[in-house]
Amino acid sequence: MDHQDSNHVCRSCCMVFSKISGIQSPNTRYVIGFDPSAGRFFRQYLLLLLLNQMASALFRFIAAIGRGDLILANTFGSFALVMLFALGGFVLLRENIRKWWIWGYWM
């Protein structure tokens, strides 16, 4: 296990504990009125953890690509945000996304 692996494990553990102590998920589920079953709560919690890991990995990927050049890093970061907004279903509906771009909707 090298330095990066141990760093990733440490960050993941810290993320799990910070999400547990934040009481964000139970409050959100109670206020919105979701089903109070424990199984659905833990599935939503797992989804939040995986979403956090994906966002962290995307941030690190963009930082690694544009490591030496600030202009390149800003360009890649802006492009990633545009793709996330455009293909995420908020700006463009799924039906309005072209057939050859639909893979981006599911990413």
PDB file of N, CA and C in Angstrom:
ATOM      1  N   MET A   1       0.855  -1.178   0.000  1.00  0.00           N
ATOM      2  CA  MET A   1       0.000   0.000   0.000  1.00  0.00           C
ATOM      3  C   MET A   1       0.893   1.230   0.000  1.00  0.00           C
ATOM      4  N   ASP A   2       0.784   2.004  -1.052  1.00  0.00           N
ATOM      5  CA  ASP A   2       1.615   3.193  -1.124  1.00  0.00           C
ATOM      6  C   ASP A   2       0.905   4.398  -0.507  1.00  0.00           C
ATOM      7  N   HIS A   3       1.518   5.546  -0.656  1.00  0.00           N
ATOM      8  CA  HIS A   3       1.012   6.765  -0.004  1.00  0.00           C
ATOM      9  C   HIS A   3      -0.385   7.151  -0.499  1.00  0.00           C
ATOM     10  N   GLN A   4      -0.627   7.039  -1.803  1.00  0.00           N
ATOM     11  CA  GLN A   4      -1.924   7.444  -2.345  1.00  0.00           C
ATOM     12  C   GLN A   4      -3.045   6.549  -1.842  1.00  0.00           C
ATOM     13  N   ASP A   5      -2.786   5.245  -1.751  1.00  0.00           N
ATOM     14  CA  ASP A   5      -3.821   4.324  -1.274  1.00  0.00           C
ATOM     15  C   ASP A   5      -4.193   4.616   0.177  1.00  0.00           C
ATOM     16  N   SER A   6      -3.189   4.812   1.020  1.00  0.00           N
ATOM     17  CA  SER A   6      -3.481   5.093   2.423  1.00  0.00           C
ATOM     18  C   SER A   6      -4.177   6.446   2.586  1.00  0.00           C
ATOM     19  N   ASN A   7      -3.812   7.399   1.752  1.00  0.00           N
ATOM     20  CA  ASN A   7      -4.473   8.706   1.787  1.00  0.00           C
ATOM     21  C   ASN A   7      -5.936   8.568   1.396  1.00  0.00           C
ATOM     22  N   HIS A   8      -6.218   7.754   0.374  1.00  0.00           N
ATOM     23  CA  HIS A   8      -7.598   7.549  -0.068  1.00  0.00           C
ATOM     24  C   HIS A   8      -8.418   6.852   1.009  1.00  0.00           C
ATOM     25  N   VAL A   9      -7.859   5.847   1.671  1.00  0.00           N
ATOM     26  CA  VAL A   9      -8.574   5.135   2.733  1.00  0.00           C
ATOM     27  C   VAL A   9      -8.859   6.071   3.899  1.00  0.00           C
ATOM     28  N   CYS A  10      -7.883   6.877   4.263  1.00  0.00           N
ATOM     29  CA  CYS A  10      -8.067   7.817   5.371  1.00  0.00           C
ATOM     30  C   CYS A  10      -9.142   8.852   5.043  1.00  0.00           C
ATOM     31  N   ARG A  11      -9.118   9.390   3.835  1.00  0.00           N
ATOM     32  CA  ARG A  11     -10.127  10.373   3.447  1.00  0.00           C
ATOM     33  C   ARG A  11     -11.519   9.753   3.391  1.00  0.00           C
ATOM     34  N   SER A  12     -11.611   8.510   2.914  1.00  0.00           N
ATOM     35  CA  SER A  12     -12.913   7.853   2.835  1.00  0.00           C
ATOM     36  C   SER A  12     -13.492   7.634   4.227  1.00  0.00           C
ATOM     37  N   CYS A  13     -12.661   7.195   5.160  1.00  0.00           N
ATOM     38  CA  CYS A  13     -13.135   6.986   6.529  1.00  0.00           C
ATOM     39  C   CYS A  13     -13.570   8.306   7.166  1.00  0.00           C
ATOM     40  N   CYS A  14     -12.796   9.347   6.958  1.00  0.00           N
ATOM     41  CA  CYS A  14     -13.162  10.657   7.503  1.00  0.00           C
ATOM     42  C   CYS A  14     -14.463  11.153   6.886  1.00  0.00           C
ATOM     43  N   MET A  15     -14.663  10.887   5.600  1.00  0.00           N
ATOM     44  CA  MET A  15     -15.888  11.313   4.936  1.00  0.00           C
ATOM     45  C   MET A  15     -17.099  10.592   5.530  1.00  0.00           C
ATOM     46  N   VAL A  16     -16.975   9.289   5.768  1.00  0.00           N
ATOM     47  CA  VAL A  16     -18.093   8.523   6.329  1.00  0.00           C
ATOM     48  C   VAL A  16     -18.459   9.054   7.707  1.00  0.00           C
ATOM     49  N   PHE A  17     -17.467   9.293   8.553  1.00  0.00           N
ATOM     50  CA  PHE A  17     -17.760   9.780   9.897  1.00  0.00           C
ATOM     51  C   PHE A  17     -18.314  11.203   9.893  1.00  0.00           C
ATOM     52  N   SER A  18     -17.838  12.035   8.976  1.00  0.00           N
ATOM     53  CA  SER A  18     -18.371  13.398   8.932  1.00  0.00           C
ATOM     54  C   SER A  18     -19.817  13.405   8.440  1.00  0.00           C
ATOM     55  N   LYS A  19     -20.159  12.500   7.524  1.00  0.00           N
ATOM     56  CA  LYS A  19     -21.547  12.420   7.060  1.00  0.00           C
ATOM     57  C   LYS A  19     -22.460  11.866   8.154  1.00  0.00           C
ATOM     58  N   ILE A  20     -21.956  10.931   8.946  1.00  0.00           N
ATOM     59  CA  ILE A  20     -22.769  10.364  10.021  1.00  0.00           C
ATOM     60  C   ILE A  20     -23.038  11.418  11.095  1.00  0.00           C
ATOM     61  N   SER A  21     -22.017  12.159  11.471  1.00  0.00           N
ATOM     62  CA  SER A  21     -22.190  13.131  12.542  1.00  0.00           C
ATOM     63  C   SER A  21     -22.934  14.378  12.071  1.00  0.00           C
ATOM     64  N   GLY A  22     -23.065  14.563  10.752  1.00  0.00           N
ATOM     65  CA  GLY A  22     -23.712  15.752  10.231  1.00  0.00           C
ATOM     66  C   GLY A  22     -25.221  15.756  10.362  1.00  0.00           C
ATOM     67  N   ILE A  23     -25.829  14.622  10.543  1.00  0.00           N
ATOM     68  CA  ILE A  23     -27.273  14.473  10.693  1.00  0.00           C
ATOM     69  C   ILE A  23     -28.018  15.073   9.509  1.00  0.00           C
ATOM     70  N   GLN A  24     -27.357  15.166   8.372  1.00  0.00           N
ATOM     71  CA  GLN A  24     -27.987  15.737   7.195  1.00  0.00           C
ATOM     72  C   GLN A  24     -28.998  14.764   6.607  1.00  0.00           C
ATOM     73  N   SER A  25     -28.622  13.524   6.468  1.00  0.00           N
ATOM     74  CA  SER A  25     -29.510  12.552   5.810  1.00  0.00           C
ATOM     75  C   SER A  25     -30.792  12.279   6.594  1.00  0.00           C
ATOM     76  N   PRO A  26     -30.723  12.014   7.905  1.00  0.00           N
ATOM     77  CA  PRO A  26     -31.987  11.774   8.617  1.00  0.00           C
ATOM     78  C   PRO A  26     -32.913  12.981   8.610  1.00  0.00           C
ATOM     79  N   ASN A  27     -32.367  14.165   8.795  1.00  0.00           N
ATOM     80  CA  ASN A  27     -33.202  15.366   8.771  1.00  0.00           C
ATOM     81  C   ASN A  27     -33.835  15.572   7.406  1.00  0.00           C
ATOM     82  N   THR A  28     -33.058  15.364   6.360  1.00  0.00           N
ATOM     83  CA  THR A  28     -33.590  15.528   5.013  1.00  0.00           C
ATOM     84  C   THR A  28     -34.720  14.543   4.765  1.00  0.00           C
ATOM     85  N   ARG A  29     -34.522  13.309   5.150  1.00  0.00           N
ATOM     86  CA  ARG A  29     -35.549  12.287   4.929  1.00  0.00           C
ATOM     87  C   ARG A  29     -36.809  12.611   5.739  1.00  0.00           C
ATOM     88  N   TYR A  30     -36.654  13.104   6.955  1.00  0.00           N
ATOM     89  CA  TYR A  30     -37.811  13.405   7.797  1.00  0.00           C
ATOM     90  C   TYR A  30     -38.593  14.599   7.254  1.00  0.00           C
ATOM     91  N   VAL A  31     -37.890  15.661   6.860  1.00  0.00           N
ATOM     92  CA  VAL A  31     -38.549  16.877   6.407  1.00  0.00           C
ATOM     93  C   VAL A  31     -39.261  16.648   5.075  1.00  0.00           C
ATOM     94  N   ILE A  32     -38.629  15.931   4.156  1.00  0.00           N
ATOM     95  CA  ILE A  32     -39.229  15.680   2.850  1.00  0.00           C
ATOM     96  C   ILE A  32     -40.386  14.699   2.968  1.00  0.00           C
ATOM     97  N   GLY A  33     -40.318  13.801   3.929  1.00  0.00           N
ATOM     98  CA  GLY A  33     -41.388  12.833   4.112  1.00  0.00           C
ATOM     99  C   GLY A  33     -41.140  11.516   3.418  1.00  0.00           C
ATOM    100  N   PHE A  34     -39.872  11.142   3.240  1.00  0.00           N
ATOM    101  CA  PHE A  34     -39.557   9.856   2.642  1.00  0.00           C
ATOM    102  C   PHE A  34     -39.965   8.723   3.569  1.00  0.00           C
ATOM    103  N   ASP A  35     -39.957   7.527   3.035  1.00  0.00           N
ATOM    104  CA  ASP A  35     -40.275   6.326   3.797  1.00  0.00           C
ATOM    105  C   ASP A  35     -39.271   6.180   4.950  1.00  0.00           C
ATOM    106  N   PRO A  36     -39.728   5.996   6.189  1.00  0.00           N
ATOM    107  CA  PRO A  36     -38.807   5.956   7.329  1.00  0.00           C
ATOM    108  C   PRO A  36     -38.084   4.620   7.518  1.00  0.00           C
ATOM    109  N   SER A  37     -38.191   3.680   6.589  1.00  0.00           N
ATOM    110  CA  SER A  37     -37.541   2.386   6.787  1.00  0.00           C
ATOM    111  C   SER A  37     -36.018   2.532   6.751  1.00  0.00           C
ATOM    112  N   ALA A  38     -35.358   1.716   7.541  1.00  0.00           N
ATOM    113  CA  ALA A  38     -33.896   1.803   7.671  1.00  0.00           C
ATOM    114  C   ALA A  38     -33.196   1.385   6.385  1.00  0.00           C
ATOM    115  N   GLY A  39     -33.748   0.413   5.679  1.00  0.00           N
ATOM    116  CA  GLY A  39     -33.110  -0.048   4.453  1.00  0.00           C
ATOM    117  C   GLY A  39     -33.000   1.042   3.402  1.00  0.00           C
ATOM    118  N   ARG A  40     -34.057   1.789   3.226  1.00  0.00           N
ATOM    119  CA  ARG A  40     -34.032   2.883   2.248  1.00  0.00           C
ATOM    120  C   ARG A  40     -33.117   4.014   2.697  1.00  0.00           C
ATOM    121  N   PHE A  41     -33.062   4.241   4.004  1.00  0.00           N
ATOM    122  CA  PHE A  41     -32.152   5.268   4.509  1.00  0.00           C
ATOM    123  C   PHE A  41     -30.707   4.904   4.196  1.00  0.00           C
ATOM    124  N   PHE A  42     -30.327   3.658   4.439  1.00  0.00           N
ATOM    125  CA  PHE A  42     -28.942   3.264   4.194  1.00  0.00           C
ATOM    126  C   PHE A  42     -28.617   3.227   2.695  1.00  0.00           C
ATOM    127  N   ARG A  43     -29.597   2.952   1.848  1.00  0.00           N
ATOM    128  CA  ARG A  43     -29.358   3.025   0.408  1.00  0.00           C
ATOM    129  C   ARG A  43     -29.126   4.475  -0.022  1.00  0.00           C
ATOM    130  N   GLN A  44     -29.909   5.401   0.529  1.00  0.00           N
ATOM    131  CA  GLN A  44     -29.702   6.803   0.210  1.00  0.00           C
ATOM    132  C   GLN A  44     -28.353   7.275   0.741  1.00  0.00           C
ATOM    133  N   TYR A  45     -27.999   6.823   1.920  1.00  0.00           N
ATOM    134  CA  TYR A  45     -26.715   7.202   2.509  1.00  0.00           C
ATOM    135  C   TYR A  45     -25.561   6.678   1.661  1.00  0.00           C
ATOM    136  N   LEU A  46     -25.672   5.429   1.192  1.00  0.00           N
ATOM    137  CA  LEU A  46     -24.633   4.864   0.331  1.00  0.00           C
ATOM    138  C   LEU A  46     -24.535   5.653  -0.974  1.00  0.00           C
ATOM    139  N   LEU A  47     -25.667   6.053  -1.517  1.00  0.00           N
ATOM    140  CA  LEU A  47     -25.665   6.854  -2.736  1.00  0.00           C
ATOM    141  C   LEU A  47     -24.974   8.197  -2.503  1.00  0.00           C
ATOM    142  N   LEU A  48     -25.209   8.827  -1.355  1.00  0.00           N
ATOM    143  CA  LEU A  48     -24.528  10.088  -1.045  1.00  0.00           C
ATOM    144  C   LEU A  48     -23.019   9.896  -0.912  1.00  0.00           C
ATOM    145  N   LEU A  49     -22.608   8.805  -0.293  1.00  0.00           N
ATOM    146  CA  LEU A  49     -21.178   8.537  -0.157  1.00  0.00           C
ATOM    147  C   LEU A  49     -20.532   8.302  -1.523  1.00  0.00           C
ATOM    148  N   LEU A  50     -21.193   7.545  -2.378  1.00  0.00           N
ATOM    149  CA  LEU A  50     -20.647   7.288  -3.712  1.00  0.00           C
ATOM    150  C   LEU A  50     -20.615   8.553  -4.558  1.00  0.00           C
ATOM    151  N   LEU A  51     -21.614   9.404  -4.409  1.00  0.00           N
ATOM    152  CA  LEU A  51     -21.618  10.680  -5.127  1.00  0.00           C
ATOM    153  C   LEU A  51     -20.472  11.577  -4.663  1.00  0.00           C
ATOM    154  N   ASN A  52     -20.195  11.564  -3.378  1.00  0.00           N
ATOM    155  CA  ASN A  52     -19.076  12.327  -2.839  1.00  0.00           C
ATOM    156  C   ASN A  52     -17.754  11.799  -3.383  1.00  0.00           C
ATOM    157  N   GLN A  53     -17.608  10.482  -3.472  1.00  0.00           N
ATOM    158  CA  GLN A  53     -16.393   9.895  -4.022  1.00  0.00           C
ATOM    159  C   GLN A  53     -16.223  10.256  -5.497  1.00  0.00           C
ATOM    160  N   MET A  54     -17.325  10.256  -6.249  1.00  0.00           N
ATOM    161  CA  MET A  54     -17.259  10.603  -7.666  1.00  0.00           C
ATOM    162  C   MET A  54     -16.829  12.055  -7.850  1.00  0.00           C
ATOM    163  N   ALA A  55     -17.392  12.952  -7.061  1.00  0.00           N
ATOM    164  CA  ALA A  55     -17.032  14.365  -7.177  1.00  0.00           C
ATOM    165  C   ALA A  55     -15.577  14.590  -6.791  1.00  0.00           C
ATOM    166  N   SER A  56     -15.119  13.898  -5.762  1.00  0.00           N
ATOM    167  CA  SER A  56     -13.722  14.024  -5.349  1.00  0.00           C
ATOM    168  C   SER A  56     -12.784  13.477  -6.421  1.00  0.00           C
ATOM    169  N   ALA A  57     -13.151  12.357  -7.030  1.00  0.00           N
ATOM    170  CA  ALA A  57     -12.319  11.777  -8.084  1.00  0.00           C
ATOM    171  C   ALA A  57     -12.279  12.686  -9.313  1.00  0.00           C
ATOM    172  N   LEU A  58     -13.408  13.301  -9.676  1.00  0.00           N
ATOM    173  CA  LEU A  58     -13.424  14.221 -10.805  1.00  0.00           C
ATOM    174  C   LEU A  58     -12.543  15.430 -10.530  1.00  0.00           C
ATOM    175  N   PHE A  59     -12.609  15.957  -9.317  1.00  0.00           N
ATOM    176  CA  PHE A  59     -11.772  17.099  -8.950  1.00  0.00           C
ATOM    177  C   PHE A  59     -10.289  16.740  -9.035  1.00  0.00           C
ATOM    178  N   ARG A  60      -9.922  15.572  -8.532  1.00  0.00           N
ATOM    179  CA  ARG A  60      -8.514  15.147  -8.575  1.00  0.00           C
ATOM    180  C   ARG A  60      -8.060  14.876  -9.999  1.00  0.00           C
ATOM    181  N   PHE A  61      -8.948  14.332 -10.832  1.00  0.00           N
ATOM    182  CA  PHE A  61      -8.609  14.073 -12.224  1.00  0.00           C
ATOM    183  C   PHE A  61      -8.324  15.372 -12.961  1.00  0.00           C
ATOM    184  N   ILE A  62      -9.180  16.369 -12.776  1.00  0.00           N
ATOM    185  CA  ILE A  62      -8.968  17.662 -13.428  1.00  0.00           C
ATOM    186  C   ILE A  62      -7.689  18.315 -12.907  1.00  0.00           C
ATOM    187  N   ALA A  63      -7.427  18.180 -11.621  1.00  0.00           N
ATOM    188  CA  ALA A  63      -6.199  18.741 -11.055  1.00  0.00           C
ATOM    189  C   ALA A  63      -4.959  18.042 -11.611  1.00  0.00           C
ATOM    190  N   ALA A  64      -5.047  16.729 -11.834  1.00  0.00           N
ATOM    191  CA  ALA A  64      -3.900  15.993 -12.371  1.00  0.00           C
ATOM    192  C   ALA A  64      -3.646  16.345 -13.834  1.00  0.00           C
ATOM    193  N   ILE A  65      -4.712  16.541 -14.596  1.00  0.00           N
ATOM    194  CA  ILE A  65      -4.538  16.884 -16.013  1.00  0.00           C
ATOM    195  C   ILE A  65      -3.943  18.282 -16.168  1.00  0.00           C
ATOM    196  N   GLY A  66      -4.442  19.220 -15.421  1.00  0.00           N
ATOM    197  CA  GLY A  66      -3.981  20.598 -15.569  1.00  0.00           C
ATOM    198  C   GLY A  66      -2.950  20.989 -14.537  1.00  0.00           C
ATOM    199  N   ARG A  67      -2.136  20.061 -14.145  1.00  0.00           N
ATOM    200  CA  ARG A  67      -1.198  20.293 -13.051  1.00  0.00           C
ATOM    201  C   ARG A  67      -0.206  21.423 -13.330  1.00  0.00           C
ATOM    202  N   GLY A  68       0.316  21.490 -14.523  1.00  0.00           N
ATOM    203  CA  GLY A  68       1.357  22.473 -14.792  1.00  0.00           C
ATOM    204  C   GLY A  68       0.860  23.780 -15.354  1.00  0.00           C
ATOM    205  N   ASP A  69      -0.316  23.786 -15.943  1.00  0.00           N
ATOM    206  CA  ASP A  69      -0.788  24.971 -16.645  1.00  0.00           C
ATOM    207  C   ASP A  69      -2.140  25.406 -16.087  1.00  0.00           C
ATOM    208  N   LEU A  70      -2.207  26.595 -15.544  1.00  0.00           N
ATOM    209  CA  LEU A  70      -3.435  27.097 -14.930  1.00  0.00           C
ATOM    210  C   LEU A  70      -4.537  27.322 -15.960  1.00  0.00           C
ATOM    211  N   ILE A  71      -4.177  27.768 -17.150  1.00  0.00           N
ATOM    212  CA  ILE A  71      -5.178  27.997 -18.189  1.00  0.00           C
ATOM    213  C   ILE A  71      -5.797  26.677 -18.619  1.00  0.00           C
ATOM    214  N   LEU A  72      -4.987  25.652 -18.765  1.00  0.00           N
ATOM    215  CA  LEU A  72      -5.491  24.331 -19.132  1.00  0.00           C
ATOM    216  C   LEU A  72      -6.400  23.774 -18.043  1.00  0.00           C
ATOM    217  N   ALA A  73      -6.031  23.948 -16.790  1.00  0.00           N
ATOM    218  CA  ALA A  73      -6.850  23.470 -15.676  1.00  0.00           C
ATOM    219  C   ALA A  73      -8.196  24.185 -15.633  1.00  0.00           C
ATOM    220  N   ASN A  74      -8.210  25.493 -15.847  1.00  0.00           N
ATOM    221  CA  ASN A  74      -9.470  26.241 -15.881  1.00  0.00           C
ATOM    222  C   ASN A  74     -10.353  25.808 -17.047  1.00  0.00           C
ATOM    223  N   THR A  75      -9.728  25.527 -18.183  1.00  0.00           N
ATOM    224  CA  THR A  75     -10.489  25.081 -19.349  1.00  0.00           C
ATOM    225  C   THR A  75     -11.141  23.731 -19.095  1.00  0.00           C
ATOM    226  N   PHE A  76     -10.375  22.780 -18.576  1.00  0.00           N
ATOM    227  CA  PHE A  76     -10.928  21.455 -18.283  1.00  0.00           C
ATOM    228  C   PHE A  76     -11.991  21.520 -17.194  1.00  0.00           C
ATOM    229  N   GLY A  77     -11.767  22.335 -16.182  1.00  0.00           N
ATOM    230  CA  GLY A  77     -12.748  22.472 -15.111  1.00  0.00           C
ATOM    231  C   GLY A  77     -14.057  23.070 -15.603  1.00  0.00           C
ATOM    232  N   SER A  78     -13.961  24.095 -16.440  1.00  0.00           N
ATOM    233  CA  SER A  78     -15.164  24.709 -16.998  1.00  0.00           C
ATOM    234  C   SER A  78     -15.892  23.735 -17.915  1.00  0.00           C
ATOM    235  N   PHE A  79     -15.139  22.986 -18.720  1.00  0.00           N
ATOM    236  CA  PHE A  79     -15.749  22.003 -19.613  1.00  0.00           C
ATOM    237  C   PHE A  79     -16.465  20.919 -18.816  1.00  0.00           C
ATOM    238  N   ALA A  80     -15.859  20.460 -17.722  1.00  0.00           N
ATOM    239  CA  ALA A  80     -16.489  19.430 -16.885  1.00  0.00           C
ATOM    240  C   ALA A  80     -17.778  19.950 -16.258  1.00  0.00           C
ATOM    241  N   LEU A  81     -17.776  21.194 -15.801  1.00  0.00           N
ATOM    242  CA  LEU A  81     -18.993  21.766 -15.223  1.00  0.00           C
ATOM    243  C   LEU A  81     -20.099  21.929 -16.273  1.00  0.00           C
ATOM    244  N   VAL A  82     -19.733  22.367 -17.461  1.00  0.00           N
ATOM    245  CA  VAL A  82     -20.732  22.512 -18.521  1.00  0.00           C
ATOM    246  C   VAL A  82     -21.335  21.149 -18.858  1.00  0.00           C
ATOM    247  N   MET A  83     -20.498  20.125 -18.948  1.00  0.00           N
ATOM    248  CA  MET A  83     -21.004  18.782 -19.247  1.00  0.00           C
ATOM    249  C   MET A  83     -21.907  18.269 -18.126  1.00  0.00           C
ATOM    250  N   LEU A  84     -21.520  18.509 -16.881  1.00  0.00           N
ATOM    251  CA  LEU A  84     -22.353  18.063 -15.760  1.00  0.00           C
ATOM    252  C   LEU A  84     -23.709  18.762 -15.757  1.00  0.00           C
ATOM    253  N   PHE A  85     -23.713  20.059 -16.014  1.00  0.00           N
ATOM    254  CA  PHE A  85     -24.977  20.785 -16.030  1.00  0.00           C
ATOM    255  C   PHE A  85     -25.832  20.426 -17.246  1.00  0.00           C
ATOM    256  N   ALA A  86     -25.206  20.382 -18.414  1.00  0.00           N
ATOM    257  CA  ALA A  86     -25.965  20.156 -19.644  1.00  0.00           C
ATOM    258  C   ALA A  86     -26.518  18.741 -19.714  1.00  0.00           C
ATOM    259  N   LEU A  87     -25.724  17.757 -19.323  1.00  0.00           N
ATOM    260  CA  LEU A  87     -26.146  16.367 -19.462  1.00  0.00           C
ATOM    261  C   LEU A  87     -26.740  15.797 -18.187  1.00  0.00           C
ATOM    262  N   GLY A  88     -26.823  16.568 -17.143  1.00  0.00           N
ATOM    263  CA  GLY A  88     -27.332  16.063 -15.870  1.00  0.00           C
ATOM    264  C   GLY A  88     -28.841  16.021 -15.763  1.00  0.00           C
ATOM    265  N   GLY A  89     -29.548  16.595 -16.720  1.00  0.00           N
ATOM    266  CA  GLY A  89     -30.995  16.566 -16.699  1.00  0.00           C
ATOM    267  C   GLY A  89     -31.623  17.826 -16.135  1.00  0.00           C
ATOM    268  N   PHE A  90     -30.840  18.806 -15.735  1.00  0.00           N
ATOM    269  CA  PHE A  90     -31.392  20.039 -15.190  1.00  0.00           C
ATOM    270  C   PHE A  90     -31.561  21.095 -16.275  1.00  0.00           C
ATOM    271  N   VAL A  91     -30.550  21.270 -17.101  1.00  0.00           N
ATOM    272  CA  VAL A  91     -30.615  22.275 -18.157  1.00  0.00           C
ATOM    273  C   VAL A  91     -31.320  21.712 -19.386  1.00  0.00           C
ATOM    274  N   LEU A  92     -30.915  20.528 -19.805  1.00  0.00           N
ATOM    275  CA  LEU A  92     -31.542  19.841 -20.929  1.00  0.00           C
ATOM    276  C   LEU A  92     -32.303  18.639 -20.419  1.00  0.00           C
ATOM    277  N   LEU A  93     -33.521  18.481 -20.867  1.00  0.00           N
ATOM    278  CA  LEU A  93     -34.274  17.282 -20.521  1.00  0.00           C
ATOM    279  C   LEU A  93     -33.678  16.076 -21.245  1.00  0.00           C
ATOM    280  N   ARG A  94     -33.912  14.915 -20.686  1.00  0.00           N
ATOM    281  CA  ARG A  94     -33.368  13.698 -21.283  1.00  0.00           C
ATOM    282  C   ARG A  94     -33.857  13.524 -22.716  1.00  0.00           C
ATOM    283  N   GLU A  95     -35.081  13.903 -22.978  1.00  0.00           N
ATOM    284  CA  GLU A  95     -35.637  13.758 -24.317  1.00  0.00           C
ATOM    285  C   GLU A  95     -34.986  14.705 -25.326  1.00  0.00           C
ATOM    286  N   ASN A  96     -34.415  15.809 -24.862  1.00  0.00           N
ATOM    287  CA  ASN A  96     -33.795  16.792 -25.755  1.00  0.00           C
ATOM    288  C   ASN A  96     -32.328  16.517 -26.021  1.00  0.00           C
ATOM    289  N   ILE A  97     -31.735  15.565 -25.330  1.00  0.00           N
ATOM    290  CA  ILE A  97     -30.331  15.218 -25.550  1.00  0.00           C
ATOM    291  C   ILE A  97     -30.256  14.319 -26.783  1.00  0.00           C
ATOM    292  N   ARG A  98     -29.333  14.598 -27.658  1.00  0.00           N
ATOM    293  CA  ARG A  98     -29.207  13.814 -28.890  1.00  0.00           C
ATOM    294  C   ARG A  98     -28.857  12.366 -28.565  1.00  0.00           C
ATOM    295  N   LYS A  99     -29.226  11.477 -29.459  1.00  0.00           N
ATOM    296  CA  LYS A  99     -29.048  10.039 -29.224  1.00  0.00           C
ATOM    297  C   LYS A  99     -27.587   9.667 -29.013  1.00  0.00           C
ATOM    298  N   TRP A 100     -26.685  10.300 -29.725  1.00  0.00           N
ATOM    299  CA  TRP A 100     -25.278   9.962 -29.593  1.00  0.00           C
ATOM    300  C   TRP A 100     -24.623  10.605 -28.366  1.00  0.00           C
ATOM    301  N   TRP A 101     -25.359  11.469 -27.615  1.00  0.00           N
ATOM    302  CA  TRP A 101     -24.863  12.054 -26.370  1.00  0.00           C
ATOM    303  C   TRP A 101     -25.537  11.464 -25.134  1.00  0.00           C
ATOM    304  N   ILE A 102     -26.429  10.503 -25.317  1.00  0.00           N
ATOM    305  CA  ILE A 102     -27.209  10.009 -24.192  1.00  0.00           C
ATOM    306  C   ILE A 102     -26.332   9.282 -23.158  1.00  0.00           C
ATOM    307  N   TRP A 103     -25.174   8.781 -23.560  1.00  0.00           N
ATOM    308  CA  TRP A 103     -24.260   8.143 -22.606  1.00  0.00           C
ATOM    309  C   TRP A 103     -23.839   9.117 -21.513  1.00  0.00           C
ATOM    310  N   GLY A 104     -23.722  10.411 -21.869  1.00  0.00           N
ATOM    311  CA  GLY A 104     -23.334  11.413 -20.881  1.00  0.00           C
ATOM    312  C   GLY A 104     -24.391  11.612 -19.807  1.00  0.00           C
ATOM    313  N   TYR A 105     -25.641  11.391 -20.169  1.00  0.00           N
ATOM    314  CA  TYR A 105     -26.734  11.501 -19.186  1.00  0.00           C
ATOM    315  C   TYR A 105     -26.579  10.446 -18.095  1.00  0.00           C
ATOM    316  N   TRP A 106     -26.140   9.268 -18.476  1.00  0.00           N
ATOM    317  CA  TRP A 106     -26.032   8.170 -17.507  1.00  0.00           C
ATOM    318  C   TRP A 106     -24.713   8.196 -16.753  1.00  0.00           C
ATOM    319  N   MET A 107     -23.790   9.040 -17.151  1.00  0.00           N
ATOM    320  CA  MET A 107     -22.518   9.143 -16.418  1.00  0.00           C
ATOM    321  C   MET A 107     -22.735  10.027 -15.254  1.00  0.00           C
TER     322      MET A 107
END
